[in-house]
Amino acid sequence: MPPAKFKTHANIILMRFLLLAILTALTATAQSPTSAPAPVEIVNLEQHLWTTMAEGDFATVRSLFARDFIQVDTKIEAVDSLLITLKHCKLESYELRDLQVRILSPDSALTAYQVLNTFNCGTEDKPQVKNYDNNSITVWVRQPNTTKWLVQAHTETPTTPAK
């Protein structure tokens, strides 16, 4: 091959390679969905939520809930109502049993579990201990363009009457 043709052929190959690289990068960016979370990541989030509630770390608890969070229990509540309840009734103990995770999409997951918990809604002088045994579901949603997961919804159904 004459040098001029070789140079032209090399330039065409280089241009094709650059074009292929650019198209690959653009396609990967445009089509790359957020990777789905590992179930253990969601389990850790749920356990962290319960631990911070038990510790009474309300700033952290608040930061784990979406702004438009909703809880369905004996009534329908937003996050502010839940925090008021937690401030008046201290979560003294909890045990999550049979925790299961379902990945709903790359940006949403659901946990289902049985929770045994004890709240003290009284004072040191007059404790008012309440024990619960509930089946619970929590929906976790990854916030757009971030890696932060927040609780979007939570519901509890008693497995036994409150004591």
N, C-alpha and C. Protein backbone atom coordinates (compact mmCIF):
# COMPACT_ATOMS: atom_id res chain seq x y z
N MET A 1 0.86 -1.16 0.00
CA MET A 1 0.00 0.00 0.00
C MET A 1 0.90 1.23 0.00
N PRO A 2 0.63 2.21 -0.90
CA PRO A 2 1.44 3.44 -0.93
C PRO A 2 1.26 4.22 0.36
N PRO A 3 2.29 4.99 0.78
CA PRO A 3 2.22 5.72 2.05
C PRO A 3 1.01 6.63 2.17
N ALA A 4 0.59 7.31 1.14
CA ALA A 4 -0.55 8.23 1.22
C ALA A 4 -1.84 7.45 1.49
N LYS A 5 -2.02 6.32 0.80
CA LYS A 5 -3.20 5.50 1.02
C LYS A 5 -3.19 4.89 2.42
N PHE A 6 -2.00 4.48 2.88
CA PHE A 6 -1.87 3.91 4.22
C PHE A 6 -2.26 4.93 5.28
N LYS A 7 -1.79 6.19 5.06
CA LYS A 7 -2.10 7.26 6.01
C LYS A 7 -3.61 7.54 6.02
N THR A 8 -4.24 7.57 4.83
CA THR A 8 -5.68 7.81 4.73
C THR A 8 -6.44 6.66 5.40
N HIS A 9 -6.02 5.44 5.11
CA HIS A 9 -6.66 4.26 5.71
C HIS A 9 -6.52 4.28 7.24
N ALA A 10 -5.35 4.65 7.76
CA ALA A 10 -5.12 4.74 9.20
C ALA A 10 -6.00 5.81 9.83
N ASN A 11 -6.14 6.95 9.11
CA ASN A 11 -6.99 8.04 9.61
C ASN A 11 -8.45 7.59 9.67
N ILE A 12 -8.90 6.84 8.67
CA ILE A 12 -10.28 6.36 8.65
C ILE A 12 -10.50 5.39 9.81
N ILE A 13 -9.55 4.50 10.03
CA ILE A 13 -9.67 3.56 11.14
C ILE A 13 -9.70 4.31 12.47
N LEU A 14 -8.81 5.29 12.63
CA LEU A 14 -8.78 6.10 13.86
C LEU A 14 -10.09 6.84 14.04
N MET A 15 -10.62 7.43 12.97
CA MET A 15 -11.89 8.16 13.06
C MET A 15 -13.03 7.21 13.44
N ARG A 16 -13.04 6.03 12.84
CA ARG A 16 -14.08 5.04 13.18
C ARG A 16 -13.97 4.64 14.65
N PHE A 17 -12.74 4.43 15.09
CA PHE A 17 -12.52 4.05 16.49
C PHE A 17 -13.00 5.15 17.43
N LEU A 18 -12.65 6.41 17.12
CA LEU A 18 -13.10 7.54 17.95
C LEU A 18 -14.62 7.66 17.93
N LEU A 19 -15.22 7.51 16.75
CA LEU A 19 -16.67 7.59 16.64
C LEU A 19 -17.32 6.47 17.45
N LEU A 20 -16.77 5.26 17.35
CA LEU A 20 -17.30 4.14 18.12
C LEU A 20 -17.17 4.40 19.62
N ALA A 21 -16.04 4.94 20.05
CA ALA A 21 -15.84 5.24 21.47
C ALA A 21 -16.82 6.30 21.95
N ILE A 22 -17.04 7.32 21.16
CA ILE A 22 -17.98 8.39 21.53
C ILE A 22 -19.40 7.83 21.60
N LEU A 23 -19.79 7.05 20.60
CA LEU A 23 -21.13 6.47 20.61
C LEU A 23 -21.32 5.51 21.77
N THR A 24 -20.30 4.74 22.08
CA THR A 24 -20.39 3.82 23.22
C THR A 24 -20.58 4.59 24.52
N ALA A 25 -19.80 5.65 24.69
CA ALA A 25 -19.91 6.46 25.91
C ALA A 25 -21.29 7.10 26.01
N LEU A 26 -21.78 7.66 24.90
CA LEU A 26 -23.10 8.29 24.93
C LEU A 26 -24.20 7.28 25.18
N THR A 27 -24.11 6.12 24.56
CA THR A 27 -25.12 5.08 24.76
C THR A 27 -25.10 4.59 26.20
N ALA A 28 -23.92 4.40 26.76
CA ALA A 28 -23.82 3.94 28.15
C ALA A 28 -24.41 4.96 29.09
N THR A 29 -24.17 6.23 28.82
CA THR A 29 -24.71 7.29 29.67
C THR A 29 -26.22 7.38 29.53
N ALA A 30 -26.72 7.29 28.30
CA ALA A 30 -28.15 7.44 28.07
C ALA A 30 -28.94 6.22 28.54
N GLN A 31 -28.37 5.02 28.39
CA GLN A 31 -29.13 3.82 28.69
C GLN A 31 -28.77 3.19 30.02
N SER A 32 -27.78 3.70 30.69
CA SER A 32 -27.32 3.05 31.91
C SER A 32 -28.29 3.32 33.05
N PRO A 33 -29.12 2.34 33.40
CA PRO A 33 -30.01 2.54 34.54
C PRO A 33 -29.19 2.48 35.82
N THR A 34 -29.73 3.07 36.84
CA THR A 34 -29.09 2.97 38.15
C THR A 34 -29.08 1.50 38.52
N SER A 35 -27.96 1.04 39.01
CA SER A 35 -27.89 -0.39 39.36
C SER A 35 -28.78 -0.66 40.56
N ALA A 36 -29.40 -1.80 40.52
CA ALA A 36 -30.29 -2.20 41.61
C ALA A 36 -29.46 -2.44 42.88
N PRO A 37 -30.03 -2.13 44.03
CA PRO A 37 -29.29 -2.33 45.28
C PRO A 37 -29.19 -3.82 45.62
N ALA A 38 -28.17 -4.14 46.37
CA ALA A 38 -28.09 -5.50 46.92
C ALA A 38 -29.08 -5.57 48.08
N PRO A 39 -29.78 -6.67 48.24
CA PRO A 39 -30.74 -6.78 49.35
C PRO A 39 -30.12 -6.46 50.71
N VAL A 40 -28.86 -6.82 50.91
CA VAL A 40 -28.22 -6.54 52.20
C VAL A 40 -28.13 -5.03 52.46
N GLU A 41 -28.00 -4.24 51.40
CA GLU A 41 -27.97 -2.78 51.55
C GLU A 41 -29.29 -2.28 52.15
N ILE A 42 -30.39 -2.83 51.69
CA ILE A 42 -31.71 -2.43 52.17
C ILE A 42 -31.93 -2.94 53.60
N VAL A 43 -31.47 -4.15 53.89
CA VAL A 43 -31.54 -4.68 55.26
C VAL A 43 -30.80 -3.75 56.21
N ASN A 44 -29.61 -3.31 55.82
CA ASN A 44 -28.83 -2.40 56.66
C ASN A 44 -29.55 -1.07 56.88
N LEU A 45 -30.22 -0.56 55.85
CA LEU A 45 -30.98 0.68 56.00
C LEU A 45 -32.10 0.50 57.02
N GLU A 46 -32.82 -0.61 56.93
CA GLU A 46 -33.94 -0.86 57.85
C GLU A 46 -33.44 -0.98 59.28
N GLN A 47 -32.36 -1.72 59.47
CA GLN A 47 -31.81 -1.87 60.81
C GLN A 47 -31.29 -0.54 61.36
N HIS A 48 -30.68 0.26 60.49
CA HIS A 48 -30.20 1.58 60.91
C HIS A 48 -31.36 2.47 61.33
N LEU A 49 -32.46 2.42 60.60
CA LEU A 49 -33.64 3.21 60.95
C LEU A 49 -34.13 2.86 62.35
N TRP A 50 -34.30 1.58 62.62
CA TRP A 50 -34.79 1.16 63.94
C TRP A 50 -33.80 1.51 65.05
N THR A 51 -32.53 1.36 64.79
CA THR A 51 -31.51 1.69 65.80
C THR A 51 -31.54 3.17 66.14
N THR A 52 -31.62 4.03 65.13
CA THR A 52 -31.65 5.47 65.41
C THR A 52 -32.94 5.87 66.12
N MET A 53 -34.05 5.20 65.83
CA MET A 53 -35.29 5.49 66.57
C MET A 53 -35.13 5.10 68.03
N ALA A 54 -34.52 3.94 68.28
CA ALA A 54 -34.33 3.48 69.67
C ALA A 54 -33.35 4.38 70.42
N GLU A 55 -32.37 4.92 69.72
CA GLU A 55 -31.39 5.80 70.35
C GLU A 55 -31.94 7.21 70.59
N GLY A 56 -33.09 7.51 69.99
CA GLY A 56 -33.68 8.84 70.15
C GLY A 56 -32.95 9.91 69.35
N ASP A 57 -32.24 9.52 68.31
CA ASP A 57 -31.50 10.46 67.46
C ASP A 57 -32.46 11.01 66.40
N PHE A 58 -33.29 11.96 66.81
CA PHE A 58 -34.38 12.41 65.96
C PHE A 58 -33.93 13.15 64.70
N ALA A 59 -32.80 13.83 64.74
CA ALA A 59 -32.30 14.50 63.54
C ALA A 59 -31.95 13.45 62.48
N THR A 60 -31.29 12.38 62.91
CA THR A 60 -30.95 11.31 61.96
C THR A 60 -32.21 10.59 61.51
N VAL A 61 -33.11 10.32 62.44
CA VAL A 61 -34.37 9.66 62.08
C VAL A 61 -35.07 10.49 61.01
N ARG A 62 -35.19 11.77 61.24
CA ARG A 62 -35.88 12.65 60.27
C ARG A 62 -35.22 12.61 58.91
N SER A 63 -33.89 12.54 58.89
CA SER A 63 -33.16 12.55 57.62
C SER A 63 -33.32 11.26 56.83
N LEU A 64 -33.89 10.23 57.45
CA LEU A 64 -34.07 8.95 56.76
C LEU A 64 -35.44 8.84 56.07
N PHE A 65 -36.30 9.86 56.26
CA PHE A 65 -37.64 9.82 55.68
C PHE A 65 -37.78 10.82 54.54
N ALA A 66 -38.50 10.41 53.50
CA ALA A 66 -38.81 11.32 52.40
C ALA A 66 -39.75 12.42 52.91
N ARG A 67 -39.70 13.57 52.28
CA ARG A 67 -40.55 14.69 52.69
C ARG A 67 -42.03 14.33 52.66
N ASP A 68 -42.41 13.52 51.66
CA ASP A 68 -43.82 13.15 51.53
C ASP A 68 -44.09 11.73 52.04
N PHE A 69 -43.33 11.31 53.05
CA PHE A 69 -43.52 10.02 53.71
C PHE A 69 -44.94 9.89 54.24
N ILE A 70 -45.42 8.65 54.23
CA ILE A 70 -46.73 8.36 54.81
C ILE A 70 -46.65 7.04 55.58
N GLN A 71 -47.30 7.04 56.75
CA GLN A 71 -47.37 5.82 57.55
C GLN A 71 -48.83 5.46 57.73
N VAL A 72 -49.12 4.17 57.57
CA VAL A 72 -50.47 3.68 57.78
C VAL A 72 -50.40 2.69 58.92
N ASP A 73 -51.07 3.03 60.00
CA ASP A 73 -51.10 2.19 61.20
C ASP A 73 -52.56 2.24 61.67
N THR A 74 -52.79 2.64 62.91
CA THR A 74 -54.16 2.82 63.36
C THR A 74 -54.75 4.09 62.76
N LYS A 75 -53.87 4.96 62.26
CA LYS A 75 -54.29 6.16 61.54
C LYS A 75 -53.23 6.44 60.47
N ILE A 76 -53.51 7.39 59.60
CA ILE A 76 -52.56 7.76 58.55
C ILE A 76 -51.79 8.98 59.04
N GLU A 77 -50.45 8.87 59.00
CA GLU A 77 -49.60 9.94 59.54
C GLU A 77 -48.50 10.32 58.56
N ALA A 78 -48.08 11.57 58.68
CA ALA A 78 -46.89 12.06 57.98
C ALA A 78 -45.71 11.93 58.94
N VAL A 79 -44.53 12.25 58.48
CA VAL A 79 -43.33 12.05 59.29
C VAL A 79 -43.34 12.90 60.56
N ASP A 80 -43.87 14.11 60.51
CA ASP A 80 -43.87 14.96 61.70
C ASP A 80 -44.70 14.34 62.83
N SER A 81 -45.82 13.75 62.49
CA SER A 81 -46.65 13.07 63.51
C SER A 81 -45.91 11.88 64.10
N LEU A 82 -45.22 11.15 63.25
CA LEU A 82 -44.44 10.01 63.73
C LEU A 82 -43.35 10.46 64.70
N LEU A 83 -42.67 11.54 64.38
CA LEU A 83 -41.61 12.05 65.26
C LEU A 83 -42.16 12.53 66.60
N ILE A 84 -43.32 13.15 66.59
CA ILE A 84 -43.95 13.58 67.85
C ILE A 84 -44.26 12.36 68.71
N THR A 85 -44.79 11.32 68.08
CA THR A 85 -45.07 10.08 68.82
C THR A 85 -43.80 9.50 69.41
N LEU A 86 -42.73 9.47 68.62
CA LEU A 86 -41.45 8.92 69.10
C LEU A 86 -40.86 9.74 70.24
N LYS A 87 -41.14 11.03 70.26
CA LYS A 87 -40.62 11.87 71.34
C LYS A 87 -41.39 11.63 72.64
N HIS A 88 -42.68 11.28 72.51
CA HIS A 88 -43.51 11.02 73.70
C HIS A 88 -43.45 9.57 74.16
N CYS A 89 -43.20 8.68 73.25
CA CYS A 89 -43.13 7.25 73.57
C CYS A 89 -41.77 6.72 73.10
N LYS A 90 -40.88 6.48 74.05
CA LYS A 90 -39.54 6.03 73.71
C LYS A 90 -39.54 4.56 73.31
N LEU A 91 -38.91 4.29 72.18
CA LEU A 91 -38.72 2.92 71.74
C LEU A 91 -37.61 2.32 72.60
N GLU A 92 -37.99 1.42 73.50
CA GLU A 92 -37.02 0.84 74.43
C GLU A 92 -36.33 -0.39 73.88
N SER A 93 -37.04 -1.17 73.09
CA SER A 93 -36.43 -2.36 72.51
C SER A 93 -37.19 -2.74 71.25
N TYR A 94 -36.49 -3.46 70.38
CA TYR A 94 -37.12 -3.95 69.17
C TYR A 94 -36.37 -5.19 68.68
N GLU A 95 -37.08 -6.01 67.96
CA GLU A 95 -36.48 -7.18 67.33
C GLU A 95 -37.15 -7.37 65.97
N LEU A 96 -36.35 -7.34 64.93
CA LEU A 96 -36.85 -7.56 63.58
C LEU A 96 -36.69 -9.05 63.26
N ARG A 97 -37.78 -9.68 62.87
CA ARG A 97 -37.75 -11.12 62.57
C ARG A 97 -38.15 -11.36 61.11
N ASP A 98 -37.52 -12.37 60.54
CA ASP A 98 -37.86 -12.82 59.18
C ASP A 98 -37.86 -11.65 58.19
N LEU A 99 -36.84 -10.80 58.28
CA LEU A 99 -36.76 -9.63 57.40
C LEU A 99 -36.49 -10.08 55.97
N GLN A 100 -37.37 -9.68 55.09
CA GLN A 100 -37.25 -10.02 53.67
C GLN A 100 -37.21 -8.75 52.85
N VAL A 101 -36.49 -8.80 51.74
CA VAL A 101 -36.35 -7.65 50.86
C VAL A 101 -36.84 -8.03 49.47
N ARG A 102 -37.57 -7.13 48.87
CA ARG A 102 -37.97 -7.27 47.48
C ARG A 102 -37.49 -6.02 46.75
N ILE A 103 -36.69 -6.22 45.73
CA ILE A 103 -36.23 -5.10 44.91
C ILE A 103 -37.33 -4.83 43.89
N LEU A 104 -37.93 -3.66 43.94
CA LEU A 104 -39.05 -3.33 43.05
C LEU A 104 -38.57 -2.73 41.74
N SER A 105 -37.48 -1.98 41.81
CA SER A 105 -36.85 -1.36 40.64
C SER A 105 -35.45 -0.98 41.06
N PRO A 106 -34.62 -0.47 40.17
CA PRO A 106 -33.28 -0.06 40.60
C PRO A 106 -33.31 1.03 41.68
N ASP A 107 -34.43 1.76 41.77
CA ASP A 107 -34.51 2.87 42.72
C ASP A 107 -35.58 2.68 43.79
N SER A 108 -36.10 1.47 43.95
CA SER A 108 -37.08 1.25 45.01
C SER A 108 -37.01 -0.19 45.50
N ALA A 109 -37.26 -0.33 46.79
CA ALA A 109 -37.23 -1.65 47.41
C ALA A 109 -38.24 -1.68 48.55
N LEU A 110 -38.62 -2.88 48.93
CA LEU A 110 -39.60 -3.07 49.98
C LEU A 110 -39.03 -4.06 50.99
N THR A 111 -39.22 -3.76 52.27
CA THR A 111 -38.88 -4.73 53.31
C THR A 111 -40.18 -5.18 53.96
N ALA A 112 -40.23 -6.45 54.29
CA ALA A 112 -41.37 -7.02 55.02
C ALA A 112 -40.78 -7.83 56.16
N TYR A 113 -41.35 -7.66 57.35
CA TYR A 113 -40.80 -8.34 58.52
C TYR A 113 -41.79 -8.29 59.67
N GLN A 114 -41.52 -9.12 60.66
CA GLN A 114 -42.26 -9.06 61.92
C GLN A 114 -41.39 -8.25 62.88
N VAL A 115 -42.00 -7.33 63.60
CA VAL A 115 -41.25 -6.54 64.58
C VAL A 115 -41.92 -6.67 65.94
N LEU A 116 -41.12 -7.06 66.92
CA LEU A 116 -41.55 -7.06 68.32
C LEU A 116 -40.91 -5.84 68.94
N ASN A 117 -41.71 -4.94 69.51
CA ASN A 117 -41.12 -3.75 70.10
C ASN A 117 -41.83 -3.34 71.38
N THR A 118 -41.08 -2.60 72.17
CA THR A 118 -41.58 -2.11 73.45
C THR A 118 -41.38 -0.60 73.50
N PHE A 119 -42.46 0.10 73.80
CA PHE A 119 -42.42 1.56 73.95
C PHE A 119 -42.76 1.91 75.39
N ASN A 120 -42.14 2.97 75.88
CA ASN A 120 -42.50 3.51 77.19
C ASN A 120 -43.07 4.90 76.94
N CYS A 121 -44.37 5.03 77.17
CA CYS A 121 -45.06 6.29 76.92
C CYS A 121 -45.31 7.07 78.21
N GLY A 122 -44.69 6.67 79.28
CA GLY A 122 -44.88 7.36 80.56
C GLY A 122 -43.62 8.10 80.97
N THR A 123 -43.48 8.23 82.27
CA THR A 123 -42.31 8.91 82.85
C THR A 123 -41.52 7.89 83.66
N GLU A 124 -40.40 8.34 84.21
CA GLU A 124 -39.62 7.44 85.07
C GLU A 124 -40.44 7.04 86.29
N ASP A 125 -41.21 8.01 86.83
CA ASP A 125 -42.04 7.73 88.01
C ASP A 125 -43.22 6.83 87.67
N LYS A 126 -43.81 7.05 86.52
CA LYS A 126 -44.99 6.29 86.10
C LYS A 126 -44.80 5.76 84.68
N PRO A 127 -44.03 4.69 84.55
CA PRO A 127 -43.84 4.13 83.21
C PRO A 127 -45.15 3.55 82.66
N GLN A 128 -45.35 3.74 81.39
CA GLN A 128 -46.49 3.16 80.68
C GLN A 128 -45.92 2.33 79.53
N VAL A 129 -45.60 1.10 79.82
CA VAL A 129 -44.95 0.23 78.84
C VAL A 129 -46.00 -0.42 77.95
N LYS A 130 -45.74 -0.36 76.65
CA LYS A 130 -46.62 -0.98 75.66
C LYS A 130 -45.78 -1.90 74.80
N ASN A 131 -46.23 -3.15 74.68
CA ASN A 131 -45.55 -4.14 73.86
C ASN A 131 -46.37 -4.38 72.60
N TYR A 132 -45.67 -4.46 71.47
CA TYR A 132 -46.34 -4.68 70.19
C TYR A 132 -45.70 -5.83 69.45
N ASP A 133 -46.51 -6.49 68.65
CA ASP A 133 -46.07 -7.56 67.77
C ASP A 133 -46.76 -7.28 66.43
N ASN A 134 -46.00 -6.73 65.48
CA ASN A 134 -46.58 -6.29 64.21
C ASN A 134 -45.89 -6.92 63.01
N ASN A 135 -46.63 -7.08 61.95
CA ASN A 135 -46.05 -7.36 60.64
C ASN A 135 -45.93 -6.00 59.96
N SER A 136 -44.75 -5.71 59.44
CA SER A 136 -44.48 -4.39 58.90
C SER A 136 -43.97 -4.45 57.47
N ILE A 137 -44.24 -3.38 56.75
CA ILE A 137 -43.70 -3.18 55.41
C ILE A 137 -43.15 -1.76 55.35
N THR A 138 -41.95 -1.63 54.81
CA THR A 138 -41.34 -0.32 54.58
C THR A 138 -40.96 -0.24 53.11
N VAL A 139 -41.26 0.88 52.49
CA VAL A 139 -40.86 1.12 51.10
C VAL A 139 -39.73 2.12 51.11
N TRP A 140 -38.60 1.73 50.53
CA TRP A 140 -37.41 2.57 50.42
C TRP A 140 -37.28 3.05 48.98
N VAL A 141 -36.95 4.34 48.81
CA VAL A 141 -36.81 4.92 47.47
C VAL A 141 -35.49 5.69 47.41
N ARG A 142 -34.71 5.37 46.36
CA ARG A 142 -33.47 6.12 46.14
C ARG A 142 -33.83 7.48 45.56
N GLN A 143 -33.28 8.52 46.12
CA GLN A 143 -33.57 9.87 45.67
C GLN A 143 -32.93 10.13 44.31
N PRO A 144 -33.62 10.88 43.43
CA PRO A 144 -33.12 11.10 42.07
C PRO A 144 -31.70 11.68 42.06
N ASN A 145 -30.89 11.12 41.20
CA ASN A 145 -29.51 11.57 40.96
C ASN A 145 -28.63 11.51 42.20
N THR A 146 -28.95 10.62 43.14
CA THR A 146 -28.12 10.47 44.34
C THR A 146 -27.99 8.99 44.66
N THR A 147 -27.25 8.71 45.70
CA THR A 147 -27.17 7.33 46.20
C THR A 147 -27.93 7.21 47.52
N LYS A 148 -28.64 8.27 47.92
CA LYS A 148 -29.34 8.31 49.21
C LYS A 148 -30.71 7.64 49.11
N TRP A 149 -30.94 6.71 50.05
CA TRP A 149 -32.21 6.01 50.15
C TRP A 149 -33.02 6.60 51.31
N LEU A 150 -34.33 6.81 51.08
CA LEU A 150 -35.21 7.33 52.12
C LEU A 150 -36.46 6.46 52.22
N VAL A 151 -37.06 6.48 53.41
CA VAL A 151 -38.31 5.76 53.62
C VAL A 151 -39.44 6.58 53.00
N GLN A 152 -40.17 5.95 52.10
CA GLN A 152 -41.30 6.60 51.44
C GLN A 152 -42.62 6.29 52.14
N ALA A 153 -42.73 5.03 52.60
CA ALA A 153 -43.98 4.60 53.24
C ALA A 153 -43.69 3.46 54.21
N HIS A 154 -44.55 3.37 55.22
CA HIS A 154 -44.42 2.31 56.22
C HIS A 154 -45.82 1.96 56.71
N THR A 155 -46.04 0.67 56.92
CA THR A 155 -47.31 0.23 57.46
C THR A 155 -47.08 -0.90 58.43
N GLU A 156 -47.95 -1.02 59.42
CA GLU A 156 -47.86 -2.07 60.41
C GLU A 156 -49.25 -2.66 60.65
N THR A 157 -49.28 -3.98 60.79
CA THR A 157 -50.52 -4.69 61.10
C THR A 157 -50.25 -5.56 62.33
N PRO A 158 -51.04 -5.40 63.38
CA PRO A 158 -50.80 -6.22 64.59
C PRO A 158 -50.98 -7.71 64.31
N THR A 159 -50.05 -8.49 64.84
CA THR A 159 -50.22 -9.94 64.79
C THR A 159 -50.95 -10.42 66.04
N THR A 160 -50.85 -9.62 67.10
CA THR A 160 -51.55 -9.88 68.37
C THR A 160 -52.00 -8.53 68.92
N PRO A 161 -53.00 -8.50 69.77
CA PRO A 161 -53.43 -7.23 70.37
C PRO A 161 -52.32 -6.62 71.23
N ALA A 162 -52.29 -5.29 71.32
CA ALA A 162 -51.32 -4.60 72.17
C ALA A 162 -51.56 -4.99 73.62
N LYS A 163 -50.47 -5.09 74.38
CA LYS A 163 -50.56 -5.48 75.80
C LYS A 163 -50.30 -4.28 76.68
